[in-house]
Amino acid sequence: MDINTLSILIPAYNEEKTIHLILDKVKAVQLIHNIKKEVIIVNDCSSDDTKGAVERYMQANPELPISYYEHEVNKGKGAALHTGIKEAKGDLLVIQDADLEYDPEEFNYLLKPICNDFADVVYGSRFIGGHPHRILFYWHSIGNKFLTRMSNMFTNLNLTDMETCYKMFRIDIIQGLSLKEQRFGFEPEVTAKISRIKNVRIYEVGISYYGRTYEEGKKIGWKDGFRALWCIAKYGLFKAK
């Protein structure tokens, strides 16, 4: 397939303080094969001035194509991703959190298997390769690996990091899915539904991870872990549509 544009989907909730920094990184990265960028920001009804921060950035950086959308009520990260996926117009789509945990400079790692026609979907794993990885929460990492193993059992995949933010898809594949999870259940749901596509080619590449503490703004908690486990059973074991 010809790849001209990468849609970079950024769900945002109360990221007034950091969103300009991640947009600077997105703006600075030079994509391989002169692939163009389309940035899609979905503000999930932030209670801070995320909207103002994005509008000021758009005015100051007109050369970076940014489409801005917002929810009138807070619906969750998954719902923000649904909105952005629907509006994307690129040939590929990648998910980028609005914080600084993932480095857009590494988009090219994910692009290479697709551009070389090996892959249709690429996950960026925080647990493989020789890339920087901030040392934070032991039990969080154990939970992450447990969820990935459970997901693999029902999808018959051998991923090392199902919960990663960095997922890149051919646009026809991701827009062809019927996605329902409104919050952090997006990860196991999309993984299960991708795994059932006939002849889909899924790859995994190592990426860096600059994790945040809860004081620094990390939002996912233990309740989201239980929801993810339920979604693994719902979409993996029971194959819910």
C-alpha atoms as a PDB file:
ATOM      1  CA  MET A   1       0.000   0.000   0.000  1.00  0.00           C
ATOM      2  CA  ASP A   2       1.074   3.589  -0.610  1.00  0.00           C
ATOM      3  CA  ILE A   3       1.673   5.392   2.686  1.00  0.00           C
ATOM      4  CA  ASN A   4       1.418   9.148   2.433  1.00  0.00           C
ATOM      5  CA  THR A   5       0.054  10.259   5.799  1.00  0.00           C
ATOM      6  CA  LEU A   6       0.272   9.048   9.411  1.00  0.00           C
ATOM      7  CA  SER A   7      -2.659  10.034  11.632  1.00  0.00           C
ATOM      8  CA  ILE A   8      -1.358  10.685  15.151  1.00  0.00           C
ATOM      9  CA  LEU A   9      -4.250  10.350  17.590  1.00  0.00           C
ATOM     10  CA  ILE A  10      -3.823  12.104  20.946  1.00  0.00           C
ATOM     11  CA  PRO A  11      -6.556  11.611  23.584  1.00  0.00           C
ATOM     12  CA  ALA A  12      -6.251  14.363  26.184  1.00  0.00           C
ATOM     13  CA  TYR A  13      -7.671  14.781  29.674  1.00  0.00           C
ATOM     14  CA  ASN A  14      -6.270  17.511  31.929  1.00  0.00           C
ATOM     15  CA  GLU A  15      -2.982  17.768  30.024  1.00  0.00           C
ATOM     16  CA  GLU A  16      -2.746  21.572  29.954  1.00  0.00           C
ATOM     17  CA  LYS A  17       0.782  21.517  31.382  1.00  0.00           C
ATOM     18  CA  THR A  18       2.318  18.950  29.016  1.00  0.00           C
ATOM     19  CA  ILE A  19       0.394  18.850  25.762  1.00  0.00           C
ATOM     20  CA  HIS A  20       2.490  21.580  24.138  1.00  0.00           C
ATOM     21  CA  LEU A  21       5.611  19.578  24.964  1.00  0.00           C
ATOM     22  CA  ILE A  22       4.354  16.408  23.309  1.00  0.00           C
ATOM     23  CA  LEU A  23       3.192  18.425  20.302  1.00  0.00           C
ATOM     24  CA  ASP A  24       6.690  19.886  20.021  1.00  0.00           C
ATOM     25  CA  LYS A  25       8.050  16.336  19.884  1.00  0.00           C
ATOM     26  CA  VAL A  26       5.471  15.282  17.288  1.00  0.00           C
ATOM     27  CA  LYS A  27       6.310  18.340  15.222  1.00  0.00           C
ATOM     28  CA  ALA A  28      10.067  17.691  15.410  1.00  0.00           C
ATOM     29  CA  VAL A  29      10.106  14.038  14.366  1.00  0.00           C
ATOM     30  CA  GLN A  30      11.037  13.374  10.744  1.00  0.00           C
ATOM     31  CA  LEU A  31       9.097  10.362   9.512  1.00  0.00           C
ATOM     32  CA  ILE A  32      10.730   7.893   7.139  1.00  0.00           C
ATOM     33  CA  HIS A  33       9.881   8.030   3.418  1.00  0.00           C
ATOM     34  CA  ASN A  34       8.720  11.648   3.856  1.00  0.00           C
ATOM     35  CA  ILE A  35       5.432  10.465   5.351  1.00  0.00           C
ATOM     36  CA  LYS A  36       3.236  13.413   6.305  1.00  0.00           C
ATOM     37  CA  LYS A  37       1.568  13.896   9.679  1.00  0.00           C
ATOM     38  CA  GLU A  38      -2.052  14.482  10.594  1.00  0.00           C
ATOM     39  CA  VAL A  39      -2.494  15.237  14.308  1.00  0.00           C
ATOM     40  CA  ILE A  40      -5.896  14.538  15.869  1.00  0.00           C
ATOM     41  CA  ILE A  41      -6.509  15.762  19.426  1.00  0.00           C
ATOM     42  CA  VAL A  42      -9.626  14.661  21.302  1.00  0.00           C
ATOM     43  CA  ASN A  43     -10.201  16.582  24.537  1.00  0.00           C
ATOM     44  CA  ASP A  44     -12.284  14.368  26.842  1.00  0.00           C
ATOM     45  CA  CYS A  45     -13.989  17.237  28.700  1.00  0.00           C
ATOM     46  CA  SER A  46     -10.910  18.341  30.651  1.00  0.00           C
ATOM     47  CA  SER A  47     -11.489  20.405  33.789  1.00  0.00           C
ATOM     48  CA  ASP A  48      -8.298  22.413  33.210  1.00  0.00           C
ATOM     49  CA  ASP A  49      -7.399  24.618  30.222  1.00  0.00           C
ATOM     50  CA  THR A  50      -6.338  21.839  27.866  1.00  0.00           C
ATOM     51  CA  LYS A  51      -8.536  23.420  25.193  1.00  0.00           C
ATOM     52  CA  GLY A  52      -6.817  26.791  25.526  1.00  0.00           C
ATOM     53  CA  ALA A  53      -3.382  25.180  25.472  1.00  0.00           C
ATOM     54  CA  VAL A  54      -4.194  23.369  22.227  1.00  0.00           C
ATOM     55  CA  GLU A  55      -5.722  26.452  20.608  1.00  0.00           C
ATOM     56  CA  ARG A  56      -2.684  28.565  21.484  1.00  0.00           C
ATOM     57  CA  TYR A  57      -0.396  25.898  20.074  1.00  0.00           C
ATOM     58  CA  MET A  58      -2.376  25.691  16.845  1.00  0.00           C
ATOM     59  CA  GLN A  59      -2.170  29.454  16.398  1.00  0.00           C
ATOM     60  CA  ALA A  60       1.582  29.506  17.042  1.00  0.00           C
ATOM     61  CA  ASN A  61       2.345  26.455  14.859  1.00  0.00           C
ATOM     62  CA  PRO A  62       0.115  26.605  11.764  1.00  0.00           C
ATOM     63  CA  GLU A  63       2.555  24.411   9.817  1.00  0.00           C
ATOM     64  CA  LEU A  64       1.579  21.363  11.921  1.00  0.00           C
ATOM     65  CA  PRO A  65      -1.833  20.109  10.731  1.00  0.00           C
ATOM     66  CA  ILE A  66      -3.937  19.620  13.862  1.00  0.00           C
ATOM     67  CA  SER A  67      -7.627  18.703  14.021  1.00  0.00           C
ATOM     68  CA  TYR A  68      -9.217  19.368  17.405  1.00  0.00           C
ATOM     69  CA  TYR A  69     -12.315  17.678  18.810  1.00  0.00           C
ATOM     70  CA  GLU A  70     -13.841  17.713  22.282  1.00  0.00           C
ATOM     71  CA  HIS A  71     -16.417  15.827  24.307  1.00  0.00           C
ATOM     72  CA  GLU A  72     -19.054  17.807  26.173  1.00  0.00           C
ATOM     73  CA  VAL A  73     -18.942  15.273  29.033  1.00  0.00           C
ATOM     74  CA  ASN A  74     -16.085  13.082  30.233  1.00  0.00           C
ATOM     75  CA  LYS A  75     -16.459   9.668  28.584  1.00  0.00           C
ATOM     76  CA  GLY A  76     -13.061   8.015  29.076  1.00  0.00           C
ATOM     77  CA  LYS A  77      -9.906   7.377  27.054  1.00  0.00           C
ATOM     78  CA  GLY A  78     -11.497   4.668  24.939  1.00  0.00           C
ATOM     79  CA  ALA A  79     -14.313   6.998  23.911  1.00  0.00           C
ATOM     80  CA  ALA A  80     -11.789   9.677  22.946  1.00  0.00           C
ATOM     81  CA  LEU A  81      -9.983   7.105  20.800  1.00  0.00           C
ATOM     82  CA  HIS A  82     -13.259   6.110  19.120  1.00  0.00           C
ATOM     83  CA  THR A  83     -13.854   9.750  18.160  1.00  0.00           C
ATOM     84  CA  GLY A  84     -10.347  10.171  16.792  1.00  0.00           C
ATOM     85  CA  ILE A  85     -10.357   6.891  14.869  1.00  0.00           C
ATOM     86  CA  LYS A  86     -13.589   7.892  13.166  1.00  0.00           C
ATOM     87  CA  GLU A  87     -12.176  11.256  12.083  1.00  0.00           C
ATOM     88  CA  ALA A  88      -8.742  10.029  10.920  1.00  0.00           C
ATOM     89  CA  LYS A  89      -7.934  10.494   7.240  1.00  0.00           C
ATOM     90  CA  GLY A  90      -4.389   9.105   7.051  1.00  0.00           C
ATOM     91  CA  ASP A  91      -3.185   5.800   5.624  1.00  0.00           C
ATOM     92  CA  LEU A  92      -1.958   4.646   9.047  1.00  0.00           C
ATOM     93  CA  LEU A  93      -2.973   5.577  12.587  1.00  0.00           C
ATOM     94  CA  VAL A  94      -0.869   5.594  15.744  1.00  0.00           C
ATOM     95  CA  ILE A  95      -1.988   6.341  19.306  1.00  0.00           C
ATOM     96  CA  GLN A  96       0.037   8.892  21.279  1.00  0.00           C
ATOM     97  CA  ASP A  97      -0.736   9.786  24.895  1.00  0.00           C
ATOM     98  CA  ALA A  98      -0.672  13.491  25.712  1.00  0.00           C
ATOM     99  CA  ASP A  99       1.821  13.021  28.558  1.00  0.00           C
ATOM    100  CA  LEU A 100       5.555  12.469  28.105  1.00  0.00           C
ATOM    101  CA  GLU A 101       5.745   8.711  28.751  1.00  0.00           C
ATOM    102  CA  TYR A 102       6.305   7.803  25.085  1.00  0.00           C
ATOM    103  CA  ASP A 103       8.698   9.427  22.599  1.00  0.00           C
ATOM    104  CA  PRO A 104       7.292  10.284  19.127  1.00  0.00           C
ATOM    105  CA  GLU A 105      10.834  10.014  17.755  1.00  0.00           C
ATOM    106  CA  GLU A 106      10.191   6.262  17.905  1.00  0.00           C
ATOM    107  CA  PHE A 107       7.251   6.341  15.465  1.00  0.00           C
ATOM    108  CA  ASN A 108       9.756   5.247  12.852  1.00  0.00           C
ATOM    109  CA  TYR A 109      10.393   1.973  14.714  1.00  0.00           C
ATOM    110  CA  LEU A 110       6.711   1.141  14.279  1.00  0.00           C
ATOM    111  CA  LEU A 111       6.541   2.404  10.714  1.00  0.00           C
ATOM    112  CA  LYS A 112       9.343   0.247   9.320  1.00  0.00           C
ATOM    113  CA  PRO A 113       7.593  -3.176   9.421  1.00  0.00           C
ATOM    114  CA  ILE A 114       4.508  -1.676   7.740  1.00  0.00           C
ATOM    115  CA  CYS A 115       6.438   0.332   5.152  1.00  0.00           C
ATOM    116  CA  ASN A 116       8.447  -2.813   4.308  1.00  0.00           C
ATOM    117  CA  ASP A 117       5.155  -4.711   3.842  1.00  0.00           C
ATOM    118  CA  PHE A 118       5.743  -7.156   6.686  1.00  0.00           C
ATOM    119  CA  ALA A 119       3.013  -5.898   9.014  1.00  0.00           C
ATOM    120  CA  ASP A 120      -0.520  -4.517   9.129  1.00  0.00           C
ATOM    121  CA  VAL A 121      -0.431  -3.720  12.861  1.00  0.00           C
ATOM    122  CA  VAL A 122       2.608  -2.916  15.035  1.00  0.00           C
ATOM    123  CA  TYR A 123       2.731  -2.749  18.850  1.00  0.00           C
ATOM    124  CA  GLY A 124       5.530  -0.889  20.610  1.00  0.00           C
ATOM    125  CA  SER A 125       6.702  -3.020  23.552  1.00  0.00           C
ATOM    126  CA  ARG A 126       8.214  -1.448  26.652  1.00  0.00           C
ATOM    127  CA  PHE A 127       9.663  -4.823  27.662  1.00  0.00           C
ATOM    128  CA  ILE A 128      11.855  -5.806  24.719  1.00  0.00           C
ATOM    129  CA  GLY A 129      14.914  -4.189  23.147  1.00  0.00           C
ATOM    130  CA  GLY A 130      17.647  -2.065  24.648  1.00  0.00           C
ATOM    131  CA  HIS A 131      15.710   1.164  25.138  1.00  0.00           C
ATOM    132  CA  PRO A 132      15.431   3.385  28.255  1.00  0.00           C
ATOM    133  CA  HIS A 133      12.741   2.308  30.704  1.00  0.00           C
ATOM    134  CA  ARG A 134      11.984   4.309  33.836  1.00  0.00           C
ATOM    135  CA  ILE A 135      11.931   2.159  36.987  1.00  0.00           C
ATOM    136  CA  LEU A 136       8.702   2.748  38.902  1.00  0.00           C
ATOM    137  CA  PHE A 137       6.021   0.395  40.248  1.00  0.00           C
ATOM    138  CA  TYR A 138       6.756  -3.317  40.801  1.00  0.00           C
ATOM    139  CA  TRP A 139       3.127  -4.378  41.192  1.00  0.00           C
ATOM    140  CA  HIS A 140       2.079  -2.288  38.205  1.00  0.00           C
ATOM    141  CA  SER A 141       4.589  -4.148  36.021  1.00  0.00           C
ATOM    142  CA  ILE A 142       3.472  -7.519  37.409  1.00  0.00           C
ATOM    143  CA  GLY A 143      -0.156  -6.609  36.676  1.00  0.00           C
ATOM    144  CA  ASN A 144       0.735  -5.492  33.172  1.00  0.00           C
ATOM    145  CA  LYS A 145       2.523  -8.750  32.379  1.00  0.00           C
ATOM    146  CA  PHE A 146      -0.322 -10.775  33.912  1.00  0.00           C
ATOM    147  CA  LEU A 147      -2.900  -9.006  31.730  1.00  0.00           C
ATOM    148  CA  THR A 148      -0.733  -9.526  28.653  1.00  0.00           C
ATOM    149  CA  ARG A 149      -0.418 -13.260  29.404  1.00  0.00           C
ATOM    150  CA  MET A 150      -4.151 -13.627  29.934  1.00  0.00           C
ATOM    151  CA  SER A 151      -4.823 -11.771  26.704  1.00  0.00           C
ATOM    152  CA  ASN A 152      -2.367 -13.996  24.836  1.00  0.00           C
ATOM    153  CA  MET A 153      -4.070 -17.141  26.140  1.00  0.00           C
ATOM    154  CA  PHE A 154      -7.372 -16.182  24.509  1.00  0.00           C
ATOM    155  CA  THR A 155      -6.024 -14.503  21.354  1.00  0.00           C
ATOM    156  CA  ASN A 156      -3.224 -17.028  20.677  1.00  0.00           C
ATOM    157  CA  LEU A 157      -0.784 -14.148  20.229  1.00  0.00           C
ATOM    158  CA  ASN A 158       2.635 -13.921  21.883  1.00  0.00           C
ATOM    159  CA  LEU A 159       2.757 -10.216  22.677  1.00  0.00           C
ATOM    160  CA  THR A 160       4.985  -8.945  25.476  1.00  0.00           C
ATOM    161  CA  ASP A 161       3.066  -5.688  26.085  1.00  0.00           C
ATOM    162  CA  MET A 162      -0.648  -5.737  25.263  1.00  0.00           C
ATOM    163  CA  GLU A 163      -1.249  -2.629  27.409  1.00  0.00           C
ATOM    164  CA  THR A 164       1.193  -0.401  25.521  1.00  0.00           C
ATOM    165  CA  CYS A 165      -0.032   2.970  24.294  1.00  0.00           C
ATOM    166  CA  TYR A 166       1.961   2.720  21.061  1.00  0.00           C
ATOM    167  CA  LYS A 167      -0.175   0.789  18.617  1.00  0.00           C
ATOM    168  CA  MET A 168      -0.010   1.506  14.892  1.00  0.00           C
ATOM    169  CA  PHE A 169      -2.671   0.264  12.461  1.00  0.00           C
ATOM    170  CA  ARG A 170      -3.464   0.378   8.800  1.00  0.00           C
ATOM    171  CA  ILE A 171      -6.401   2.773   8.705  1.00  0.00           C
ATOM    172  CA  ASP A 172      -8.756   0.329   6.990  1.00  0.00           C
ATOM    173  CA  ILE A 173      -8.162  -2.213   9.743  1.00  0.00           C
ATOM    174  CA  ILE A 174      -8.764   0.037  12.746  1.00  0.00           C
ATOM    175  CA  GLN A 175     -11.727   1.831  11.170  1.00  0.00           C
ATOM    176  CA  GLY A 176     -13.229  -1.531  10.249  1.00  0.00           C
ATOM    177  CA  LEU A 177     -13.568  -2.609  13.882  1.00  0.00           C
ATOM    178  CA  SER A 178     -16.639  -2.082  16.024  1.00  0.00           C
ATOM    179  CA  LEU A 179     -15.098  -0.809  19.267  1.00  0.00           C
ATOM    180  CA  LYS A 180     -17.177  -0.340  22.406  1.00  0.00           C
ATOM    181  CA  GLU A 181     -14.956   0.107  25.482  1.00  0.00           C
ATOM    182  CA  GLN A 182     -15.089   3.650  26.831  1.00  0.00           C
ATOM    183  CA  ARG A 183     -12.119   3.590  29.186  1.00  0.00           C
ATOM    184  CA  PHE A 184      -8.893   1.591  29.493  1.00  0.00           C
ATOM    185  CA  GLY A 185     -10.649  -1.566  28.304  1.00  0.00           C
ATOM    186  CA  PHE A 186      -9.766  -0.344  24.815  1.00  0.00           C
ATOM    187  CA  GLU A 187      -6.422  -2.178  24.903  1.00  0.00           C
ATOM    188  CA  PRO A 188      -7.651  -5.760  25.435  1.00  0.00           C
ATOM    189  CA  GLU A 189     -10.700  -5.163  23.237  1.00  0.00           C
ATOM    190  CA  VAL A 190      -8.772  -3.891  20.229  1.00  0.00           C
ATOM    191  CA  THR A 191      -6.150  -6.629  20.673  1.00  0.00           C
ATOM    192  CA  ALA A 192      -8.779  -9.376  20.751  1.00  0.00           C
ATOM    193  CA  LYS A 193     -10.632  -8.020  17.730  1.00  0.00           C
ATOM    194  CA  ILE A 194      -7.456  -7.457  15.721  1.00  0.00           C
ATOM    195  CA  SER A 195      -6.362 -11.036  16.446  1.00  0.00           C
ATOM    196  CA  ARG A 196      -9.527 -12.410  14.822  1.00  0.00           C
ATOM    197  CA  ILE A 197      -8.935 -10.694  11.462  1.00  0.00           C
ATOM    198  CA  LYS A 198      -8.061 -13.312   8.880  1.00  0.00           C
ATOM    199  CA  ASN A 199      -4.417 -13.212   7.765  1.00  0.00           C
ATOM    200  CA  VAL A 200      -3.636 -10.062   9.775  1.00  0.00           C
ATOM    201  CA  ARG A 201       0.092  -9.529  10.290  1.00  0.00           C
ATOM    202  CA  ILE A 202       0.918  -8.266  13.792  1.00  0.00           C
ATOM    203  CA  TYR A 203       4.444  -7.232  14.742  1.00  0.00           C
ATOM    204  CA  GLU A 204       6.043  -5.942  17.937  1.00  0.00           C
ATOM    205  CA  VAL A 205       9.067  -3.638  18.250  1.00  0.00           C
ATOM    206  CA  GLY A 206      10.957  -2.399  21.311  1.00  0.00           C
ATOM    207  CA  ILE A 207      10.380   1.173  22.461  1.00  0.00           C
ATOM    208  CA  SER A 208      11.425   3.430  25.342  1.00  0.00           C
ATOM    209  CA  TYR A 209       9.213   4.256  28.315  1.00  0.00           C
ATOM    210  CA  TYR A 210       9.447   7.427  30.428  1.00  0.00           C
ATOM    211  CA  GLY A 211       6.739   6.587  32.961  1.00  0.00           C
ATOM    212  CA  ARG A 212       4.995   9.056  35.254  1.00  0.00           C
ATOM    213  CA  THR A 213       4.156   8.696  38.922  1.00  0.00           C
ATOM    214  CA  TYR A 214       0.614   9.359  40.132  1.00  0.00           C
ATOM    215  CA  GLU A 215       1.830  12.690  41.540  1.00  0.00           C
ATOM    216  CA  GLU A 216       3.060  13.554  38.044  1.00  0.00           C
ATOM    217  CA  GLY A 217      -0.328  12.824  36.535  1.00  0.00           C
ATOM    218  CA  LYS A 218      -0.583   9.071  35.856  1.00  0.00           C
ATOM    219  CA  LYS A 219      -4.284   8.164  35.694  1.00  0.00           C
ATOM    220  CA  ILE A 220      -4.676   4.393  35.341  1.00  0.00           C
ATOM    221  CA  GLY A 221      -5.442   2.556  38.599  1.00  0.00           C
ATOM    222  CA  TRP A 222      -6.272  -0.863  40.018  1.00  0.00           C
ATOM    223  CA  LYS A 223      -9.944  -0.569  39.024  1.00  0.00           C
ATOM    224  CA  ASP A 224      -8.863  -0.217  35.410  1.00  0.00           C
ATOM    225  CA  GLY A 225      -6.823  -3.407  35.801  1.00  0.00           C
ATOM    226  CA  PHE A 226      -9.915  -5.343  36.879  1.00  0.00           C
ATOM    227  CA  ARG A 227     -11.877  -3.881  33.981  1.00  0.00           C
ATOM    228  CA  ALA A 228      -9.103  -4.928  31.596  1.00  0.00           C
ATOM    229  CA  LEU A 229      -9.279  -8.479  32.969  1.00  0.00           C
ATOM    230  CA  TRP A 230     -13.034  -8.552  32.406  1.00  0.00           C
ATOM    231  CA  CYS A 231     -12.537  -7.262  28.851  1.00  0.00           C
ATOM    232  CA  ILE A 232      -9.956  -9.975  28.156  1.00  0.00           C
ATOM    233  CA  ALA A 233     -12.586 -12.582  29.052  1.00  0.00           C
ATOM    234  CA  LYS A 234     -15.409 -10.739  27.293  1.00  0.00           C
ATOM    235  CA  TYR A 235     -13.667 -10.151  23.962  1.00  0.00           C
ATOM    236  CA  GLY A 236     -11.133 -12.978  24.092  1.00  0.00           C
ATOM    237  CA  LEU A 237     -12.764 -15.976  25.784  1.00  0.00           C
ATOM    238  CA  PHE A 238     -16.391 -15.173  24.875  1.00  0.00           C
ATOM    239  CA  LYS A 239     -15.511 -13.376  21.622  1.00  0.00           C
ATOM    240  CA  ALA A 240     -18.031 -10.596  22.161  1.00  0.00           C
ATOM    241  CA  LYS A 241     -18.630  -8.440  19.094  1.00  0.00           C
END
